[in-house]
Amino acid sequence: MATVQDGMLVRFNYVLTLDDGEIIDQSPEGQPLAYVHGTGSIISGLEKALEGMAPGEEKQVCVPAAEAYGEFEPGMIERLPRSLFPEDVEVGMGFRMRNEAGQVLTVYVESVGDEVVEVNLSHPLAGKDLHFSVQIAEVREATEEDLMQDSCGCSDDCDDDCSCCG
C-alpha cells in the first residue's frame, strides 16, 4: 500500500480547529483536499505530520504557529489609499497586491476609513497553533497533470481560465 511521501498525490479529509476548539475550516463532505507531497503546497508542519501515513489512517495533529503561518508581527500593518480598493471592501477581506519589488502579497483588511484602508500583511492565522483532525483518503503516484495543478494552486475544478493554467 502506498504511503505519503514526496512525489505522491495525497487526498485527505480534515477538520481544522484553534486552541479553543472552534472549527475554522474543514474539507467538504466527500471532497478531500488534494496536494502533491513535498512541493510545499500545504503548511510545512502539516506536511511533515502526514509523512508515512497510508489510506484509511487517521491522526490528530497540532501544528505550532511557527510551522503554520508564522508568528504574528504587529509591524505588518500598512495604511493604503482607499482608492486602491473596491467600493464594497470590508474588514477581513483578502487582496493580492504587488509591493515595490514586484512581489505578490496577500493582504487582509483590518479597518476601512473614508480615506485609508489598513491592511495586515500577516496571514489571519499567524501566531495561532492549528489543530487538525486528518484522515487519508488516497495516496498514489502524482501524474504530470497533478504536478501542474499543484504548482499553480489549482484544484480538480480548475477551469483553465486561471492566471497560471490558462
Protein backbone atom coordinates (compact mmCIF):
# COMPACT_ATOMS: atom_id res chain seq x y z
CA MET A 1 0.00 0.00 0.00
CA ALA A 2 1.29 3.46 -0.93
CA THR A 3 2.21 5.85 1.87
CA VAL A 4 2.52 9.62 1.95
CA GLN A 5 5.95 10.61 0.66
CA ASP A 6 7.49 13.11 -1.76
CA GLY A 7 6.02 12.95 -5.26
CA MET A 8 2.77 11.32 -4.19
CA LEU A 9 -0.69 12.79 -4.77
CA VAL A 10 -2.44 12.80 -1.40
CA ARG A 11 -6.15 13.32 -0.79
CA PHE A 12 -7.18 13.83 2.81
CA ASN A 13 -10.19 14.86 4.81
CA TYR A 14 -9.62 17.30 7.65
CA VAL A 15 -11.20 19.44 10.34
CA LEU A 16 -9.17 22.46 11.48
CA THR A 17 -9.70 23.96 14.92
CA LEU A 18 -7.98 26.56 17.09
CA ASP A 19 -6.90 26.14 20.72
CA ASP A 20 -10.43 26.90 21.93
CA GLY A 21 -11.91 24.11 19.78
CA GLU A 22 -13.61 26.46 17.31
CA ILE A 23 -13.85 24.81 13.88
CA ILE A 24 -12.45 27.30 11.37
CA ASP A 25 -12.20 25.10 8.28
CA GLN A 26 -12.88 21.59 7.05
CA SER A 27 -12.94 19.64 3.84
CA PRO A 28 -16.42 19.47 2.32
CA GLU A 29 -18.18 16.11 2.70
CA GLY A 30 -16.90 13.71 0.04
CA GLN A 31 -14.34 16.24 -1.27
CA PRO A 32 -10.94 15.58 0.32
CA LEU A 33 -8.21 18.16 -0.18
CA ALA A 34 -5.64 17.07 -2.80
CA TYR A 35 -1.98 18.09 -2.96
CA VAL A 36 1.35 16.68 -4.13
CA HIS A 37 3.52 15.85 -1.12
CA GLY A 38 6.91 17.52 -0.92
CA THR A 39 6.02 20.55 -3.05
CA GLY A 40 5.32 22.93 -0.17
CA SER A 41 1.71 23.48 -1.22
CA ILE A 42 0.35 22.94 2.31
CA ILE A 43 1.74 24.29 5.57
CA SER A 44 5.04 22.66 6.46
CA GLY A 45 4.02 21.37 9.89
CA LEU A 46 1.03 19.51 8.48
CA GLU A 47 3.03 18.14 5.56
CA LYS A 48 5.61 16.72 8.00
CA ALA A 49 2.88 15.14 10.14
CA LEU A 50 1.27 13.37 7.16
CA GLU A 51 4.57 11.78 6.03
CA GLY A 52 4.33 7.98 6.09
CA MET A 53 0.57 7.75 6.56
CA ALA A 54 -1.49 5.33 4.45
CA PRO A 55 -5.06 5.48 3.11
CA GLY A 56 -7.61 4.99 5.89
CA GLU A 57 -5.27 6.18 8.65
CA GLU A 58 -6.41 8.97 10.95
CA LYS A 59 -4.37 11.30 13.11
CA GLN A 60 -4.72 14.31 15.41
CA VAL A 61 -2.04 16.90 14.60
CA CYS A 62 -1.11 20.10 16.42
CA VAL A 63 0.89 22.42 14.17
CA PRO A 64 2.61 25.21 16.11
CA ALA A 65 2.29 28.72 14.67
CA ALA A 66 5.94 28.74 13.55
CA GLU A 67 5.26 25.72 11.30
CA ALA A 68 1.91 27.03 10.08
CA TYR A 69 1.56 30.70 9.11
CA GLY A 70 4.34 32.05 11.32
CA GLU A 71 4.26 34.23 14.39
CA PHE A 72 2.12 37.37 14.42
CA GLU A 73 4.16 40.51 13.77
CA PRO A 74 2.42 43.74 14.81
CA GLY A 75 4.61 45.83 12.49
CA MET A 76 2.99 44.25 9.44
CA ILE A 77 0.09 46.77 9.31
CA GLU A 78 0.12 49.20 6.36
CA ARG A 79 -2.12 52.16 5.60
CA LEU A 80 -3.12 52.36 1.93
CA PRO A 81 -5.28 54.83 -0.01
CA ARG A 82 -8.97 53.87 -0.05
CA SER A 83 -8.97 54.41 -3.83
CA LEU A 84 -6.92 51.19 -4.30
CA PHE A 85 -9.86 49.08 -3.10
CA PRO A 86 -13.32 48.26 -4.48
CA GLU A 87 -16.38 50.13 -3.14
CA ASP A 88 -17.58 47.10 -1.15
CA VAL A 89 -14.31 46.48 0.74
CA GLU A 90 -14.92 45.03 4.22
CA VAL A 91 -12.84 44.09 7.24
CA GLY A 92 -11.46 40.56 6.84
CA MET A 93 -11.31 40.57 3.04
CA GLY A 94 -8.09 39.40 1.43
CA PHE A 95 -6.49 41.03 -1.61
CA ARG A 96 -3.48 40.18 -3.74
CA MET A 97 -1.20 43.17 -4.30
CA ARG A 98 2.33 43.82 -5.51
CA ASN A 99 4.95 45.53 -3.36
CA GLU A 100 7.58 47.94 -4.69
CA ALA A 101 9.82 44.99 -5.61
CA GLY A 102 7.05 43.41 -7.70
CA GLN A 103 6.45 40.54 -5.26
CA VAL A 104 2.80 39.43 -5.00
CA LEU A 105 1.49 39.59 -1.42
CA THR A 106 -1.86 38.75 0.08
CA VAL A 107 -3.08 41.44 2.45
CA TYR A 108 -6.05 41.28 4.82
CA VAL A 109 -8.23 44.30 5.60
CA GLU A 110 -8.07 45.38 9.27
CA SER A 111 -10.10 48.61 9.05
CA VAL A 112 -11.82 50.73 6.42
CA GLY A 113 -11.96 54.53 6.60
CA ASP A 114 -13.11 57.24 4.22
CA GLU A 115 -9.56 57.94 3.01
CA VAL A 116 -7.46 55.00 4.22
CA VAL A 117 -7.68 51.21 4.45
CA GLU A 118 -5.44 49.48 6.99
CA VAL A 119 -4.21 46.09 5.81
CA ASN A 120 -2.29 43.39 7.60
CA LEU A 121 0.48 41.66 5.68
CA SER A 122 0.36 38.70 8.09
CA HIS A 123 -1.98 35.78 7.45
CA PRO A 124 -5.09 35.89 9.70
CA LEU A 125 -3.90 32.65 11.35
CA ALA A 126 -0.38 33.96 12.05
CA GLY A 127 0.51 33.43 15.70
CA LYS A 128 -2.04 30.65 16.17
CA ASP A 129 -1.41 26.96 16.79
CA LEU A 130 -3.56 24.87 14.44
CA HIS A 131 -5.22 21.57 15.38
CA PHE A 132 -6.04 19.19 12.56
CA SER A 133 -8.05 16.00 12.63
CA VAL A 134 -6.98 14.24 9.42
CA GLN A 135 -7.94 11.07 7.58
CA ILE A 136 -6.02 9.95 4.49
CA ALA A 137 -8.42 9.11 1.66
CA GLU A 138 -5.98 8.32 -1.18
CA VAL A 139 -2.26 8.13 -1.90
CA ARG A 140 -0.90 7.49 -5.38
CA GLU A 141 1.99 8.48 -7.62
CA ALA A 142 1.47 12.04 -8.89
CA THR A 143 0.94 12.45 -12.64
CA GLU A 144 2.30 15.34 -14.71
CA GLU A 145 -1.19 16.85 -14.64
CA ASP A 146 -1.26 16.61 -10.83
CA LEU A 147 2.11 18.35 -10.63
CA MET A 148 0.93 21.16 -12.93
CA GLN A 149 -2.26 21.76 -10.94
CA ASP A 150 -0.40 21.60 -7.62
CA SER A 151 2.27 24.08 -8.73
CA CYS A 152 -0.25 26.78 -9.57
CA GLY A 153 -2.60 26.21 -6.66
CA CYS A 154 -5.47 24.98 -8.80
CA SER A 155 -7.57 22.01 -7.87
CA ASP A 156 -9.63 19.47 -9.74
CA ASP A 157 -12.15 22.21 -10.52
CA CYS A 158 -9.65 24.38 -12.42
CA ASP A 159 -11.41 25.77 -15.46
CA ASP A 160 -8.18 26.60 -17.34
CA ASP A 161 -9.20 30.24 -17.00
CA CYS A 162 -6.92 30.95 -14.05
CA SER A 163 -3.78 33.02 -14.27
CA CYS A 164 -1.43 30.04 -14.21
CA CYS A 165 -3.13 27.30 -16.25
CA GLY A 166 -4.81 29.37 -18.94
